[in-house]
Amino acid sequence: MRLDPHTIRRPFYRNSTVVILITADDFWDSWGVKHPADGGLMEFDEARTHPEDHVWTVVESGDDEDGNWYAAPGFHLVNRLGYVVTTRPWVDYTQDAIYFLDDMEDDEDRAN
């Protein structure tokens, strides 16, 4: 049985602590991601008009091997691509989420 990479909670390390991410499907479906009318990411000026506990910063990992994008609760500057707003507010212990999962490598493995 092959696991769907969009529903796996992926661990990573932050300050020597293992962190489990919110899956891409959970983030989109359960958190209610809202986009600007053009479907892209928000700029800071637009995102700051929303309650801070609904704003997530979409970031690159900064690792060339990892093509994923992540959504981190709140406003961040490092590796920032833009912002999204959710209908559901986050709290201090809310985990980061997978915003875009680059599973191209997984797709190539399946084809072989």
C-alpha atoms as a PDB file:
ATOM      1  CA  MET A   1       0.000   0.000   0.000  1.00  0.00           C
ATOM      2  CA  ARG A   2       1.457   3.367  -1.047  1.00  0.00           C
ATOM      3  CA  LEU A   3       0.837   6.307   1.239  1.00  0.00           C
ATOM      4  CA  ASP A   4      -0.461   9.564  -0.203  1.00  0.00           C
ATOM      5  CA  PRO A   5       2.261  12.201   0.452  1.00  0.00           C
ATOM      6  CA  HIS A   6      -0.430  14.900   0.827  1.00  0.00           C
ATOM      7  CA  THR A   7      -1.851  13.280   3.956  1.00  0.00           C
ATOM      8  CA  ILE A   8       1.349  12.286   5.758  1.00  0.00           C
ATOM      9  CA  ARG A   9       2.338  14.420   8.718  1.00  0.00           C
ATOM     10  CA  ARG A  10       5.968  15.200   7.945  1.00  0.00           C
ATOM     11  CA  PRO A  11       8.405  15.665  10.824  1.00  0.00           C
ATOM     12  CA  PHE A  12      11.245  18.180  10.726  1.00  0.00           C
ATOM     13  CA  TYR A  13      13.603  19.694  13.285  1.00  0.00           C
ATOM     14  CA  ARG A  14      13.395  23.182  14.739  1.00  0.00           C
ATOM     15  CA  ASN A  15      15.942  24.046  17.423  1.00  0.00           C
ATOM     16  CA  SER A  16      16.656  20.322  17.972  1.00  0.00           C
ATOM     17  CA  THR A  17      12.946  19.595  18.463  1.00  0.00           C
ATOM     18  CA  VAL A  18      10.971  17.343  16.150  1.00  0.00           C
ATOM     19  CA  VAL A  19       7.983  19.212  14.714  1.00  0.00           C
ATOM     20  CA  ILE A  20       5.059  17.513  12.971  1.00  0.00           C
ATOM     21  CA  LEU A  21       3.538  19.573  10.175  1.00  0.00           C
ATOM     22  CA  ILE A  22      -0.118  20.078   9.358  1.00  0.00           C
ATOM     23  CA  THR A  23      -0.695  18.216   6.096  1.00  0.00           C
ATOM     24  CA  ALA A  24      -1.420  20.145   2.908  1.00  0.00           C
ATOM     25  CA  ASP A  25      -4.923  18.664   2.727  1.00  0.00           C
ATOM     26  CA  ASP A  26      -5.680  19.537   6.372  1.00  0.00           C
ATOM     27  CA  PHE A  27      -4.430  23.077   5.881  1.00  0.00           C
ATOM     28  CA  TRP A  28      -6.503  23.747   2.767  1.00  0.00           C
ATOM     29  CA  ASP A  29      -9.633  21.924   3.923  1.00  0.00           C
ATOM     30  CA  SER A  30      -9.724  22.450   7.694  1.00  0.00           C
ATOM     31  CA  TRP A  31      -8.152  25.888   8.043  1.00  0.00           C
ATOM     32  CA  GLY A  32     -10.027  27.587   5.173  1.00  0.00           C
ATOM     33  CA  VAL A  33      -7.220  29.187   3.181  1.00  0.00           C
ATOM     34  CA  LYS A  34      -8.326  32.414   1.489  1.00  0.00           C
ATOM     35  CA  HIS A  35      -6.476  34.025  -1.419  1.00  0.00           C
ATOM     36  CA  PRO A  36      -6.629  37.407  -3.116  1.00  0.00           C
ATOM     37  CA  ALA A  37      -8.896  37.587  -6.176  1.00  0.00           C
ATOM     38  CA  ASP A  38      -5.939  36.808  -8.494  1.00  0.00           C
ATOM     39  CA  GLY A  39      -5.320  33.488  -6.681  1.00  0.00           C
ATOM     40  CA  GLY A  40      -1.761  34.383  -5.700  1.00  0.00           C
ATOM     41  CA  LEU A  41      -0.200  35.186  -2.355  1.00  0.00           C
ATOM     42  CA  MET A  42      -0.891  38.409  -0.474  1.00  0.00           C
ATOM     43  CA  GLU A  43       1.669  41.146  -0.043  1.00  0.00           C
ATOM     44  CA  PHE A  44       2.368  42.520   3.433  1.00  0.00           C
ATOM     45  CA  ASP A  45       0.204  45.632   2.991  1.00  0.00           C
ATOM     46  CA  GLU A  46      -2.841  43.481   2.245  1.00  0.00           C
ATOM     47  CA  ALA A  47      -2.126  40.792   4.872  1.00  0.00           C
ATOM     48  CA  ARG A  48      -1.702  43.310   7.702  1.00  0.00           C
ATOM     49  CA  THR A  49      -5.332  44.412   7.308  1.00  0.00           C
ATOM     50  CA  HIS A  50      -6.432  40.993   8.654  1.00  0.00           C
ATOM     51  CA  PRO A  51      -6.326  39.804  12.274  1.00  0.00           C
ATOM     52  CA  GLU A  52      -2.793  38.572  12.993  1.00  0.00           C
ATOM     53  CA  ASP A  53      -4.023  35.187  14.252  1.00  0.00           C
ATOM     54  CA  HIS A  54      -5.461  34.459  10.792  1.00  0.00           C
ATOM     55  CA  VAL A  55      -2.313  35.383   8.821  1.00  0.00           C
ATOM     56  CA  TRP A  56       0.234  32.753   7.736  1.00  0.00           C
ATOM     57  CA  THR A  57       3.546  33.429   5.985  1.00  0.00           C
ATOM     58  CA  VAL A  58       4.287  31.145   3.038  1.00  0.00           C
ATOM     59  CA  VAL A  59       8.018  30.366   2.968  1.00  0.00           C
ATOM     60  CA  GLU A  60      10.507  28.276   1.046  1.00  0.00           C
ATOM     61  CA  SER A  61      12.547  25.862   3.107  1.00  0.00           C
ATOM     62  CA  GLY A  62      15.850  27.399   2.002  1.00  0.00           C
ATOM     63  CA  ASP A  63      17.115  23.894   1.163  1.00  0.00           C
ATOM     64  CA  ASP A  64      17.790  23.201  -2.533  1.00  0.00           C
ATOM     65  CA  GLU A  65      16.743  19.565  -2.032  1.00  0.00           C
ATOM     66  CA  ASP A  66      13.360  20.557  -0.597  1.00  0.00           C
ATOM     67  CA  GLY A  67      11.045  22.167  -3.156  1.00  0.00           C
ATOM     68  CA  ASN A  68       8.168  22.391  -0.680  1.00  0.00           C
ATOM     69  CA  TRP A  69       6.551  25.605   0.485  1.00  0.00           C
ATOM     70  CA  TYR A  70       5.424  25.888   4.091  1.00  0.00           C
ATOM     71  CA  ALA A  71       2.912  28.121   5.847  1.00  0.00           C
ATOM     72  CA  ALA A  72       4.051  29.410   9.236  1.00  0.00           C
ATOM     73  CA  PRO A  73       1.557  31.085  11.578  1.00  0.00           C
ATOM     74  CA  GLY A  74       2.058  34.854  11.810  1.00  0.00           C
ATOM     75  CA  PHE A  75       4.324  37.314  10.029  1.00  0.00           C
ATOM     76  CA  HIS A  76       7.853  36.176   9.114  1.00  0.00           C
ATOM     77  CA  LEU A  77      10.594  37.638   6.923  1.00  0.00           C
ATOM     78  CA  VAL A  78      13.127  34.859   6.230  1.00  0.00           C
ATOM     79  CA  ASN A  79      12.489  32.938   2.979  1.00  0.00           C
ATOM     80  CA  ARG A  80       9.091  34.665   2.673  1.00  0.00           C
ATOM     81  CA  LEU A  81       7.144  34.237  -0.564  1.00  0.00           C
ATOM     82  CA  GLY A  82       3.955  35.966   0.583  1.00  0.00           C
ATOM     83  CA  TYR A  83       0.990  35.580   2.910  1.00  0.00           C
ATOM     84  CA  VAL A  84      -2.345  33.767   3.099  1.00  0.00           C
ATOM     85  CA  VAL A  85      -5.238  34.248   5.473  1.00  0.00           C
ATOM     86  CA  THR A  86      -7.324  31.468   6.998  1.00  0.00           C
ATOM     87  CA  THR A  87     -10.887  31.514   8.254  1.00  0.00           C
ATOM     88  CA  ARG A  88      -9.744  29.583  11.346  1.00  0.00           C
ATOM     89  CA  PRO A  89      -7.397  31.432  13.753  1.00  0.00           C
ATOM     90  CA  TRP A  90      -4.147  29.858  14.887  1.00  0.00           C
ATOM     91  CA  VAL A  91      -2.939  29.747  18.503  1.00  0.00           C
ATOM     92  CA  ASP A  92       0.565  29.877  19.986  1.00  0.00           C
ATOM     93  CA  TYR A  93       1.145  26.124  19.698  1.00  0.00           C
ATOM     94  CA  THR A  94      -0.186  25.779  16.127  1.00  0.00           C
ATOM     95  CA  GLN A  95       2.171  23.796  13.910  1.00  0.00           C
ATOM     96  CA  ASP A  96       3.534  24.921  10.577  1.00  0.00           C
ATOM     97  CA  ALA A  97       1.683  23.563   7.556  1.00  0.00           C
ATOM     98  CA  ILE A  98       2.706  22.196   4.195  1.00  0.00           C
ATOM     99  CA  TYR A  99       1.414  24.802   1.741  1.00  0.00           C
ATOM    100  CA  PHE A 100       2.746  23.242  -1.455  1.00  0.00           C
ATOM    101  CA  LEU A 101       4.179  19.729  -1.546  1.00  0.00           C
ATOM    102  CA  ASP A 102       6.724  19.191  -4.306  1.00  0.00           C
ATOM    103  CA  ASP A 103       6.055  15.520  -4.916  1.00  0.00           C
ATOM    104  CA  MET A 104       7.509  15.523  -8.443  1.00  0.00           C
ATOM    105  CA  GLU A 105      10.237  13.172  -7.246  1.00  0.00           C
ATOM    106  CA  ASP A 106       7.596  10.782  -5.835  1.00  0.00           C
ATOM    107  CA  ASP A 107       5.724  10.886  -9.168  1.00  0.00           C
ATOM    108  CA  GLU A 108       8.920   9.978 -11.062  1.00  0.00           C
ATOM    109  CA  ASP A 109       9.535   7.029  -8.712  1.00  0.00           C
ATOM    110  CA  ARG A 110       5.984   5.746  -9.322  1.00  0.00           C
ATOM    111  CA  ALA A 111       6.460   5.895 -13.104  1.00  0.00           C
ATOM    112  CA  ASN A 112       9.575   3.676 -12.951  1.00  0.00           C
END
